[in-house]
Amino acid sequence: MIRMRYDRRGELGVGTMIVFIAMVLVAATSAVLLISTANAEKEKAADAGISATDAVSTGFDVKYVTGDVSNNQVSDLHVYLKLTAGSREIVLDNVIVRLTVSSGPDSSTYDVRCNSSNTATVGGMTELTISGLTLNLRDQVSMRIMPAFGSSTYIAFTIPDVLTGNVVTLR
């Protein structure tokens, strides 16, 4: 007959308890590592989402364009801009307007940088004035408004065949 000693059971229980505690510590350490990694990735994803939204939604909406008429030509353009829905504030000094004028087979391109001398706030909109132009009848004009950050806005219009009055609405 085999007799079991009662003092050996205690040793077996203590060994099992030490292994169990070690497993709990390893699991807790792994959980902390996983949670901190998940939080860091969540923050990166949120920042990337905000940057992507800003890049897509930041820009201008062209409400209308008028031109000053003199000698049957358009000499100045007045472009009325509003921020697009969801757009963040845009620093106008960092905005460039690329204006292309096509007259038959010939075309000319002008870059205009926005600044305080050619922009003004009018009725909740920004008025951009482009001066010193000579736009003739049937000239085709295209304009790309490019903020430093965000999406650019493209518009095109044609100078009408007949110019009446001192101001003509072009778009």
N, C-alpha and C. Protein backbone atom coordinates (compact mmCIF):
# COMPACT_ATOMS: atom_id res chain seq x y z
N MET A 1 0.83 -1.15 0.00
CA MET A 1 0.00 0.00 0.00
C MET A 1 0.89 1.24 0.00
N ILE A 2 0.53 2.18 -0.84
CA ILE A 2 1.29 3.42 -0.95
C ILE A 2 0.62 4.46 -0.09
N ARG A 3 1.45 5.07 0.67
CA ARG A 3 0.90 6.10 1.54
C ARG A 3 1.35 7.47 1.04
N MET A 4 0.46 8.34 0.99
CA MET A 4 0.75 9.69 0.54
C MET A 4 1.06 10.56 1.74
N ARG A 5 2.02 11.38 1.55
CA ARG A 5 2.35 12.26 2.64
C ARG A 5 1.59 13.56 2.48
N TYR A 6 1.01 14.00 3.54
CA TYR A 6 0.18 15.20 3.48
C TYR A 6 0.99 16.47 3.28
N ASP A 7 2.23 16.49 3.63
CA ASP A 7 3.03 17.70 3.48
C ASP A 7 3.42 17.96 2.01
N ARG A 8 3.34 16.98 1.10
CA ARG A 8 3.68 17.14 -0.32
C ARG A 8 2.56 17.88 -1.06
N ARG A 9 1.35 17.76 -0.64
CA ARG A 9 0.25 18.44 -1.30
C ARG A 9 0.44 19.96 -1.24
N GLY A 10 0.91 20.48 -0.19
CA GLY A 10 1.13 21.91 -0.06
C GLY A 10 2.16 22.41 -1.06
N GLU A 11 3.21 21.63 -1.27
CA GLU A 11 4.23 22.02 -2.23
C GLU A 11 3.64 22.06 -3.64
N LEU A 12 2.81 21.14 -3.98
CA LEU A 12 2.18 21.08 -5.29
C LEU A 12 1.26 22.29 -5.48
N GLY A 13 0.53 22.67 -4.48
CA GLY A 13 -0.37 23.82 -4.56
C GLY A 13 0.38 25.13 -4.71
N VAL A 14 1.49 25.29 -3.98
CA VAL A 14 2.30 26.51 -4.09
C VAL A 14 2.91 26.61 -5.49
N GLY A 15 3.38 25.53 -6.04
CA GLY A 15 3.96 25.52 -7.40
C GLY A 15 2.91 25.91 -8.44
N THR A 16 1.71 25.36 -8.28
CA THR A 16 0.63 25.69 -9.22
C THR A 16 0.27 27.17 -9.10
N MET A 17 0.25 27.66 -7.88
CA MET A 17 -0.07 29.07 -7.66
C MET A 17 0.98 29.97 -8.30
N ILE A 18 2.25 29.64 -8.20
CA ILE A 18 3.32 30.45 -8.80
C ILE A 18 3.19 30.46 -10.32
N VAL A 19 2.90 29.31 -10.92
CA VAL A 19 2.71 29.24 -12.38
C VAL A 19 1.48 30.07 -12.78
N PHE A 20 0.42 30.00 -12.01
CA PHE A 20 -0.79 30.76 -12.31
C PHE A 20 -0.53 32.26 -12.24
N ILE A 21 0.16 32.71 -11.21
CA ILE A 21 0.49 34.13 -11.06
C ILE A 21 1.38 34.60 -12.22
N ALA A 22 2.33 33.78 -12.62
CA ALA A 22 3.20 34.13 -13.74
C ALA A 22 2.38 34.28 -15.02
N MET A 23 1.42 33.39 -15.24
CA MET A 23 0.56 33.48 -16.44
C MET A 23 -0.29 34.75 -16.40
N VAL A 24 -0.81 35.10 -15.23
CA VAL A 24 -1.61 36.32 -15.10
C VAL A 24 -0.75 37.55 -15.39
N LEU A 25 0.47 37.59 -14.88
CA LEU A 25 1.37 38.72 -15.13
C LEU A 25 1.71 38.85 -16.61
N VAL A 26 1.98 37.75 -17.28
CA VAL A 26 2.28 37.78 -18.71
C VAL A 26 1.06 38.27 -19.49
N ALA A 27 -0.13 37.77 -19.12
CA ALA A 27 -1.35 38.20 -19.81
C ALA A 27 -1.62 39.68 -19.57
N ALA A 28 -1.41 40.17 -18.36
CA ALA A 28 -1.63 41.59 -18.06
C ALA A 28 -0.65 42.47 -18.84
N THR A 29 0.60 42.06 -18.90
CA THR A 29 1.61 42.81 -19.65
C THR A 29 1.25 42.85 -21.13
N SER A 30 0.83 41.74 -21.67
CA SER A 30 0.43 41.68 -23.08
C SER A 30 -0.79 42.56 -23.33
N ALA A 31 -1.75 42.56 -22.42
CA ALA A 31 -2.95 43.38 -22.58
C ALA A 31 -2.59 44.86 -22.56
N VAL A 32 -1.73 45.27 -21.66
CA VAL A 32 -1.31 46.67 -21.60
C VAL A 32 -0.62 47.06 -22.90
N LEU A 33 0.24 46.22 -23.41
CA LEU A 33 0.94 46.50 -24.66
C LEU A 33 -0.05 46.61 -25.82
N LEU A 34 -1.00 45.70 -25.91
CA LEU A 34 -2.00 45.74 -26.98
C LEU A 34 -2.87 47.00 -26.89
N ILE A 35 -3.30 47.35 -25.70
CA ILE A 35 -4.15 48.53 -25.52
C ILE A 35 -3.40 49.80 -25.88
N SER A 36 -2.14 49.93 -25.45
CA SER A 36 -1.39 51.14 -25.77
C SER A 36 -1.11 51.23 -27.27
N THR A 37 -0.83 50.11 -27.92
CA THR A 37 -0.61 50.11 -29.37
C THR A 37 -1.90 50.49 -30.09
N ALA A 38 -3.03 49.94 -29.64
CA ALA A 38 -4.32 50.27 -30.27
C ALA A 38 -4.65 51.75 -30.11
N ASN A 39 -4.39 52.32 -28.96
CA ASN A 39 -4.64 53.75 -28.74
C ASN A 39 -3.75 54.62 -29.63
N ALA A 40 -2.48 54.23 -29.77
CA ALA A 40 -1.57 54.99 -30.62
C ALA A 40 -2.03 54.94 -32.08
N GLU A 41 -2.45 53.78 -32.54
CA GLU A 41 -2.93 53.64 -33.92
C GLU A 41 -4.23 54.41 -34.12
N LYS A 42 -5.08 54.42 -33.10
CA LYS A 42 -6.34 55.18 -33.19
C LYS A 42 -6.06 56.66 -33.34
N GLU A 43 -5.10 57.18 -32.60
CA GLU A 43 -4.72 58.59 -32.70
C GLU A 43 -4.16 58.91 -34.09
N LYS A 44 -3.31 58.03 -34.61
CA LYS A 44 -2.76 58.24 -35.95
C LYS A 44 -3.86 58.25 -37.00
N ALA A 45 -4.80 57.33 -36.88
CA ALA A 45 -5.91 57.25 -37.83
C ALA A 45 -6.79 58.49 -37.76
N ALA A 46 -7.05 58.98 -36.56
CA ALA A 46 -7.86 60.19 -36.40
C ALA A 46 -7.15 61.39 -37.03
N ASP A 47 -5.85 61.53 -36.80
CA ASP A 47 -5.09 62.63 -37.40
C ASP A 47 -5.08 62.53 -38.93
N ALA A 48 -4.91 61.32 -39.45
CA ALA A 48 -4.92 61.14 -40.91
C ALA A 48 -6.29 61.48 -41.48
N GLY A 49 -7.34 61.12 -40.77
CA GLY A 49 -8.70 61.43 -41.22
C GLY A 49 -8.95 62.92 -41.26
N ILE A 50 -8.51 63.63 -40.24
CA ILE A 50 -8.68 65.08 -40.20
C ILE A 50 -7.90 65.74 -41.33
N SER A 51 -6.67 65.29 -41.56
CA SER A 51 -5.85 65.85 -42.64
C SER A 51 -6.48 65.59 -44.00
N ALA A 52 -6.99 64.38 -44.20
CA ALA A 52 -7.63 64.05 -45.48
C ALA A 52 -8.89 64.88 -45.69
N THR A 53 -9.68 65.04 -44.65
CA THR A 53 -10.91 65.85 -44.76
C THR A 53 -10.56 67.30 -45.08
N ASP A 54 -9.55 67.84 -44.42
CA ASP A 54 -9.13 69.22 -44.70
C ASP A 54 -8.65 69.37 -46.14
N ALA A 55 -7.88 68.41 -46.61
CA ALA A 55 -7.35 68.49 -47.96
C ALA A 55 -8.45 68.45 -49.01
N VAL A 56 -9.51 67.71 -48.73
CA VAL A 56 -10.59 67.58 -49.70
C VAL A 56 -11.59 68.71 -49.57
N SER A 57 -11.92 69.11 -48.35
CA SER A 57 -13.01 70.08 -48.18
C SER A 57 -12.54 71.52 -48.16
N THR A 58 -11.25 71.77 -47.96
CA THR A 58 -10.77 73.14 -47.91
C THR A 58 -10.62 73.68 -49.33
N GLY A 59 -11.27 74.79 -49.58
CA GLY A 59 -11.20 75.40 -50.90
C GLY A 59 -12.22 76.52 -51.04
N PHE A 60 -12.36 77.00 -52.27
CA PHE A 60 -13.24 78.12 -52.56
C PHE A 60 -14.38 77.67 -53.45
N ASP A 61 -15.50 78.37 -53.31
CA ASP A 61 -16.63 78.24 -54.21
C ASP A 61 -16.78 79.60 -54.88
N VAL A 62 -16.72 79.62 -56.21
CA VAL A 62 -16.85 80.89 -56.94
C VAL A 62 -18.34 81.18 -57.09
N LYS A 63 -18.80 82.26 -56.49
CA LYS A 63 -20.21 82.63 -56.56
C LYS A 63 -20.54 83.28 -57.89
N TYR A 64 -19.76 84.26 -58.28
CA TYR A 64 -19.96 84.88 -59.60
C TYR A 64 -18.73 85.70 -59.96
N VAL A 65 -18.65 86.06 -61.25
CA VAL A 65 -17.53 86.86 -61.77
C VAL A 65 -18.13 88.00 -62.59
N THR A 66 -17.63 89.19 -62.33
CA THR A 66 -18.04 90.35 -63.13
C THR A 66 -16.80 90.97 -63.77
N GLY A 67 -17.02 91.78 -64.78
CA GLY A 67 -15.93 92.47 -65.45
C GLY A 67 -16.26 93.92 -65.68
N ASP A 68 -15.26 94.79 -65.54
CA ASP A 68 -15.42 96.21 -65.84
C ASP A 68 -15.21 96.41 -67.34
N VAL A 69 -16.15 97.10 -67.97
CA VAL A 69 -16.11 97.30 -69.42
C VAL A 69 -15.64 98.71 -69.74
N SER A 70 -14.68 98.80 -70.66
CA SER A 70 -14.27 100.10 -71.19
C SER A 70 -13.75 99.86 -72.61
N ASN A 71 -14.19 100.71 -73.53
CA ASN A 71 -13.79 100.61 -74.94
C ASN A 71 -14.10 99.24 -75.55
N ASN A 72 -15.26 98.68 -75.20
CA ASN A 72 -15.72 97.39 -75.71
C ASN A 72 -14.77 96.24 -75.37
N GLN A 73 -14.07 96.36 -74.25
CA GLN A 73 -13.17 95.33 -73.73
C GLN A 73 -13.38 95.22 -72.23
N VAL A 74 -13.01 94.07 -71.67
CA VAL A 74 -13.06 93.89 -70.22
C VAL A 74 -11.66 94.17 -69.68
N SER A 75 -11.58 95.14 -68.76
CA SER A 75 -10.27 95.55 -68.25
C SER A 75 -9.95 94.96 -66.88
N ASP A 76 -10.96 94.79 -66.05
CA ASP A 76 -10.75 94.24 -64.70
C ASP A 76 -11.76 93.13 -64.45
N LEU A 77 -11.31 92.09 -63.78
CA LEU A 77 -12.22 91.01 -63.35
C LEU A 77 -12.42 91.11 -61.85
N HIS A 78 -13.65 90.86 -61.41
CA HIS A 78 -13.98 90.81 -59.99
C HIS A 78 -14.55 89.42 -59.72
N VAL A 79 -13.80 88.63 -58.97
CA VAL A 79 -14.19 87.25 -58.68
C VAL A 79 -14.66 87.21 -57.23
N TYR A 80 -15.89 86.75 -57.02
CA TYR A 80 -16.48 86.70 -55.68
C TYR A 80 -16.43 85.27 -55.18
N LEU A 81 -15.68 85.07 -54.09
CA LEU A 81 -15.39 83.74 -53.55
C LEU A 81 -16.00 83.57 -52.17
N LYS A 82 -16.37 82.34 -51.89
CA LYS A 82 -16.82 81.96 -50.56
C LYS A 82 -16.14 80.64 -50.23
N LEU A 83 -15.86 80.38 -48.96
CA LEU A 83 -15.27 79.11 -48.57
C LEU A 83 -16.28 77.99 -48.81
N THR A 84 -15.79 76.83 -49.24
CA THR A 84 -16.68 75.69 -49.43
C THR A 84 -17.17 75.19 -48.08
N ALA A 85 -18.25 74.43 -48.11
CA ALA A 85 -18.81 73.89 -46.87
C ALA A 85 -17.78 72.99 -46.20
N GLY A 86 -17.58 73.17 -44.91
CA GLY A 86 -16.62 72.37 -44.16
C GLY A 86 -15.19 72.84 -44.28
N SER A 87 -14.98 73.92 -45.01
CA SER A 87 -13.63 74.40 -45.24
C SER A 87 -13.10 75.12 -44.00
N ARG A 88 -11.83 74.92 -43.77
CA ARG A 88 -11.17 75.71 -42.74
C ARG A 88 -10.79 77.07 -43.33
N GLU A 89 -10.42 77.98 -42.47
CA GLU A 89 -10.02 79.32 -42.89
C GLU A 89 -8.79 79.21 -43.81
N ILE A 90 -8.76 80.01 -44.86
CA ILE A 90 -7.65 80.00 -45.81
C ILE A 90 -6.95 81.35 -45.75
N VAL A 91 -5.64 81.32 -45.63
CA VAL A 91 -4.84 82.54 -45.63
C VAL A 91 -4.72 83.00 -47.08
N LEU A 92 -5.29 84.16 -47.38
CA LEU A 92 -5.35 84.63 -48.77
C LEU A 92 -3.98 84.94 -49.35
N ASP A 93 -3.02 85.30 -48.52
CA ASP A 93 -1.67 85.59 -49.02
C ASP A 93 -1.01 84.37 -49.64
N ASN A 94 -1.53 83.16 -49.34
CA ASN A 94 -0.96 81.92 -49.87
C ASN A 94 -1.75 81.39 -51.06
N VAL A 95 -2.66 82.17 -51.61
CA VAL A 95 -3.50 81.73 -52.72
C VAL A 95 -2.95 82.29 -54.03
N ILE A 96 -2.84 81.43 -55.03
CA ILE A 96 -2.39 81.84 -56.36
C ILE A 96 -3.51 81.56 -57.35
N VAL A 97 -3.76 82.51 -58.24
CA VAL A 97 -4.77 82.36 -59.29
C VAL A 97 -4.04 82.28 -60.62
N ARG A 98 -4.24 81.19 -61.34
CA ARG A 98 -3.66 81.04 -62.67
C ARG A 98 -4.75 81.35 -63.69
N LEU A 99 -4.57 82.41 -64.43
CA LEU A 99 -5.54 82.90 -65.39
C LEU A 99 -5.01 82.63 -66.79
N THR A 100 -5.78 81.93 -67.60
CA THR A 100 -5.39 81.64 -68.98
C THR A 100 -6.42 82.27 -69.90
N VAL A 101 -5.96 83.09 -70.82
CA VAL A 101 -6.83 83.78 -71.78
C VAL A 101 -6.48 83.24 -73.17
N SER A 102 -7.50 82.68 -73.84
CA SER A 102 -7.33 82.15 -75.19
C SER A 102 -8.10 83.02 -76.17
N SER A 103 -7.38 83.52 -77.15
CA SER A 103 -7.99 84.36 -78.18
C SER A 103 -7.64 83.70 -79.51
N GLY A 104 -8.55 82.86 -80.00
CA GLY A 104 -8.26 82.09 -81.21
C GLY A 104 -7.17 81.09 -80.91
N PRO A 105 -6.14 81.02 -81.77
CA PRO A 105 -5.06 80.05 -81.53
C PRO A 105 -4.06 80.50 -80.46
N ASP A 106 -4.09 81.77 -80.09
CA ASP A 106 -3.13 82.32 -79.12
C ASP A 106 -3.69 82.20 -77.71
N SER A 107 -2.80 81.96 -76.77
CA SER A 107 -3.23 81.97 -75.37
C SER A 107 -2.10 82.54 -74.51
N SER A 108 -2.52 83.18 -73.43
CA SER A 108 -1.58 83.77 -72.47
C SER A 108 -1.97 83.30 -71.08
N THR A 109 -0.97 83.09 -70.25
CA THR A 109 -1.22 82.65 -68.88
C THR A 109 -0.59 83.65 -67.92
N TYR A 110 -1.37 84.01 -66.90
CA TYR A 110 -0.93 84.95 -65.88
C TYR A 110 -1.10 84.29 -64.52
N ASP A 111 -0.12 84.48 -63.65
CA ASP A 111 -0.25 84.05 -62.25
C ASP A 111 -0.44 85.29 -61.39
N VAL A 112 -1.50 85.27 -60.60
CA VAL A 112 -1.81 86.39 -59.72
C VAL A 112 -1.79 85.88 -58.28
N ARG A 113 -1.00 86.50 -57.44
CA ARG A 113 -0.96 86.14 -56.02
C ARG A 113 -1.92 87.06 -55.27
N CYS A 114 -2.79 86.44 -54.47
CA CYS A 114 -3.74 87.23 -53.67
C CYS A 114 -2.99 87.93 -52.54
N ASN A 115 -3.39 89.16 -52.27
CA ASN A 115 -2.83 89.92 -51.15
C ASN A 115 -3.85 90.97 -50.73
N SER A 116 -3.48 91.79 -49.78
CA SER A 116 -4.44 92.77 -49.26
C SER A 116 -4.78 93.87 -50.26
N SER A 117 -3.95 94.06 -51.28
CA SER A 117 -4.23 95.12 -52.26
C SER A 117 -5.24 94.68 -53.32
N ASN A 118 -5.43 93.37 -53.54
CA ASN A 118 -6.37 92.94 -54.56
C ASN A 118 -7.53 92.09 -54.02
N THR A 119 -7.68 92.04 -52.70
CA THR A 119 -8.80 91.31 -52.10
C THR A 119 -9.52 92.21 -51.10
N ALA A 120 -10.82 91.97 -50.96
CA ALA A 120 -11.63 92.70 -49.99
C ALA A 120 -12.78 91.80 -49.56
N THR A 121 -13.31 92.04 -48.38
CA THR A 121 -14.47 91.30 -47.90
C THR A 121 -15.72 92.09 -48.22
N VAL A 122 -16.64 91.44 -48.96
CA VAL A 122 -17.87 92.10 -49.38
C VAL A 122 -19.03 91.17 -49.08
N GLY A 123 -19.88 91.55 -48.13
CA GLY A 123 -21.08 90.77 -47.84
C GLY A 123 -20.83 89.32 -47.51
N GLY A 124 -19.83 89.01 -46.72
CA GLY A 124 -19.53 87.63 -46.34
C GLY A 124 -18.75 86.86 -47.39
N MET A 125 -18.40 87.52 -48.49
CA MET A 125 -17.60 86.90 -49.54
C MET A 125 -16.28 87.65 -49.68
N THR A 126 -15.34 87.01 -50.33
CA THR A 126 -14.07 87.65 -50.63
C THR A 126 -14.10 88.07 -52.09
N GLU A 127 -13.84 89.35 -52.34
CA GLU A 127 -13.78 89.85 -53.71
C GLU A 127 -12.32 89.92 -54.12
N LEU A 128 -11.97 89.20 -55.17
CA LEU A 128 -10.63 89.23 -55.74
C LEU A 128 -10.69 90.06 -57.02
N THR A 129 -9.88 91.09 -57.10
CA THR A 129 -9.85 91.96 -58.28
C THR A 129 -8.57 91.69 -59.06
N ILE A 130 -8.73 91.36 -60.34
CA ILE A 130 -7.59 91.15 -61.24
C ILE A 130 -7.62 92.29 -62.24
N SER A 131 -6.65 93.19 -62.13
CA SER A 131 -6.63 94.42 -62.94
C SER A 131 -5.62 94.32 -64.07
N GLY A 132 -5.73 95.29 -64.97
CA GLY A 132 -4.73 95.42 -66.03
C GLY A 132 -4.91 94.44 -67.17
N LEU A 133 -6.10 93.92 -67.36
CA LEU A 133 -6.34 92.96 -68.43
C LEU A 133 -6.89 93.66 -69.66
N THR A 134 -6.78 93.01 -70.80
CA THR A 134 -7.42 93.45 -72.02
C THR A 134 -8.09 92.23 -72.62
N LEU A 135 -9.34 92.01 -72.22
CA LEU A 135 -10.09 90.86 -72.70
C LEU A 135 -11.05 91.32 -73.79
N ASN A 136 -10.91 90.73 -74.96
CA ASN A 136 -11.72 91.10 -76.11
C ASN A 136 -12.95 90.22 -76.22
N LEU A 137 -13.84 90.59 -77.11
CA LEU A 137 -15.05 89.82 -77.34
C LEU A 137 -14.68 88.38 -77.75
N ARG A 138 -15.41 87.42 -77.22
CA ARG A 138 -15.25 85.98 -77.51
C ARG A 138 -13.95 85.38 -77.00
N ASP A 139 -13.19 86.11 -76.19
CA ASP A 139 -12.01 85.50 -75.56
C ASP A 139 -12.49 84.44 -74.57
N GLN A 140 -11.77 83.34 -74.53
CA GLN A 140 -12.09 82.30 -73.56
C GLN A 140 -11.14 82.43 -72.38
N VAL A 141 -11.72 82.46 -71.19
CA VAL A 141 -10.94 82.67 -69.97
C VAL A 141 -11.13 81.46 -69.07
N SER A 142 -10.01 80.92 -68.59
CA SER A 142 -10.08 79.87 -67.57
C SER A 142 -9.26 80.31 -66.38
N MET A 143 -9.73 79.92 -65.22
CA MET A 143 -9.11 80.38 -63.98
C MET A 143 -9.02 79.22 -63.00
N ARG A 144 -7.83 79.01 -62.46
CA ARG A 144 -7.63 78.00 -61.42
C ARG A 144 -7.18 78.72 -60.17
N ILE A 145 -7.98 78.58 -59.10
CA ILE A 145 -7.69 79.23 -57.83
C ILE A 145 -7.08 78.18 -56.92
N MET A 146 -5.82 78.38 -56.53
CA MET A 146 -5.05 77.34 -55.83
C MET A 146 -4.61 77.82 -54.44
N PRO A 147 -5.30 77.35 -53.39
CA PRO A 147 -4.79 77.66 -52.05
C PRO A 147 -3.55 76.82 -51.76
N ALA A 148 -2.76 77.24 -50.80
CA ALA A 148 -1.55 76.49 -50.45
C ALA A 148 -1.89 75.11 -49.94
N PHE A 149 -3.02 74.98 -49.25
CA PHE A 149 -3.45 73.70 -48.71
C PHE A 149 -4.92 73.52 -49.04
N GLY A 150 -5.27 72.41 -49.62
CA GLY A 150 -6.66 72.15 -49.98
C GLY A 150 -6.80 71.91 -51.47
N SER A 151 -8.04 71.90 -51.92
CA SER A 151 -8.28 71.61 -53.33
C SER A 151 -8.42 72.91 -54.12
N SER A 152 -7.96 72.85 -55.37
CA SER A 152 -8.06 74.04 -56.22
C SER A 152 -9.44 74.08 -56.87
N THR A 153 -9.83 75.27 -57.28
CA THR A 153 -11.13 75.51 -57.91
C THR A 153 -10.88 75.95 -59.35
N TYR A 154 -11.64 75.37 -60.28
CA TYR A 154 -11.47 75.69 -61.70
C TYR A 154 -12.78 76.25 -62.24
N ILE A 155 -12.69 77.38 -62.95
CA ILE A 155 -13.85 77.93 -63.64
C ILE A 155 -13.41 78.37 -65.03
N ALA A 156 -14.38 78.45 -65.93
CA ALA A 156 -14.11 78.92 -67.29
C ALA A 156 -15.33 79.69 -67.78
N PHE A 157 -15.08 80.68 -68.59
CA PHE A 157 -16.17 81.46 -69.19
C PHE A 157 -15.65 82.12 -70.46
N THR A 158 -16.57 82.62 -71.25
CA THR A 158 -16.25 83.30 -72.50
C THR A 158 -16.78 84.72 -72.44
N ILE A 159 -15.96 85.67 -72.90
CA ILE A 159 -16.41 87.06 -72.95
C ILE A 159 -17.53 87.13 -73.99
N PRO A 160 -18.68 87.71 -73.64
CA PRO A 160 -19.80 87.72 -74.59
C PRO A 160 -19.52 88.54 -75.86
N ASP A 161 -20.37 88.30 -76.86
CA ASP A 161 -20.24 89.01 -78.15
C ASP A 161 -20.58 90.49 -78.04
N VAL A 162 -21.42 90.83 -77.09
CA VAL A 162 -21.85 92.22 -76.93
C VAL A 162 -21.62 92.63 -75.48
N LEU A 163 -20.95 93.74 -75.29
CA LEU A 163 -20.71 94.28 -73.95
C LEU A 163 -21.49 95.58 -73.81
N THR A 164 -22.45 95.59 -72.90
CA THR A 164 -23.24 96.79 -72.67
C THR A 164 -23.06 97.24 -71.23
N GLY A 165 -23.09 98.51 -71.00
CA GLY A 165 -22.95 99.04 -69.66
C GLY A 165 -21.50 99.07 -69.22
N ASN A 166 -21.30 99.42 -67.95
CA ASN A 166 -19.96 99.52 -67.40
C ASN A 166 -19.49 98.23 -66.76
N VAL A 167 -20.43 97.35 -66.39
CA VAL A 167 -20.11 96.09 -65.73
C VAL A 167 -20.89 94.98 -66.41
N VAL A 168 -20.22 93.85 -66.65
CA VAL A 168 -20.87 92.69 -67.25
C VAL A 168 -20.67 91.48 -66.35
N THR A 169 -21.74 90.69 -66.18
CA THR A 169 -21.63 89.45 -65.40
C THR A 169 -21.13 88.36 -66.35
N LEU A 170 -20.01 87.74 -65.98
CA LEU A 170 -19.39 86.75 -66.85
C LEU A 170 -19.67 85.32 -66.43
N ARG A 171 -19.97 85.13 -65.18
CA ARG A 171 -20.29 83.79 -64.66
C ARG A 171 -21.12 83.94 -63.43
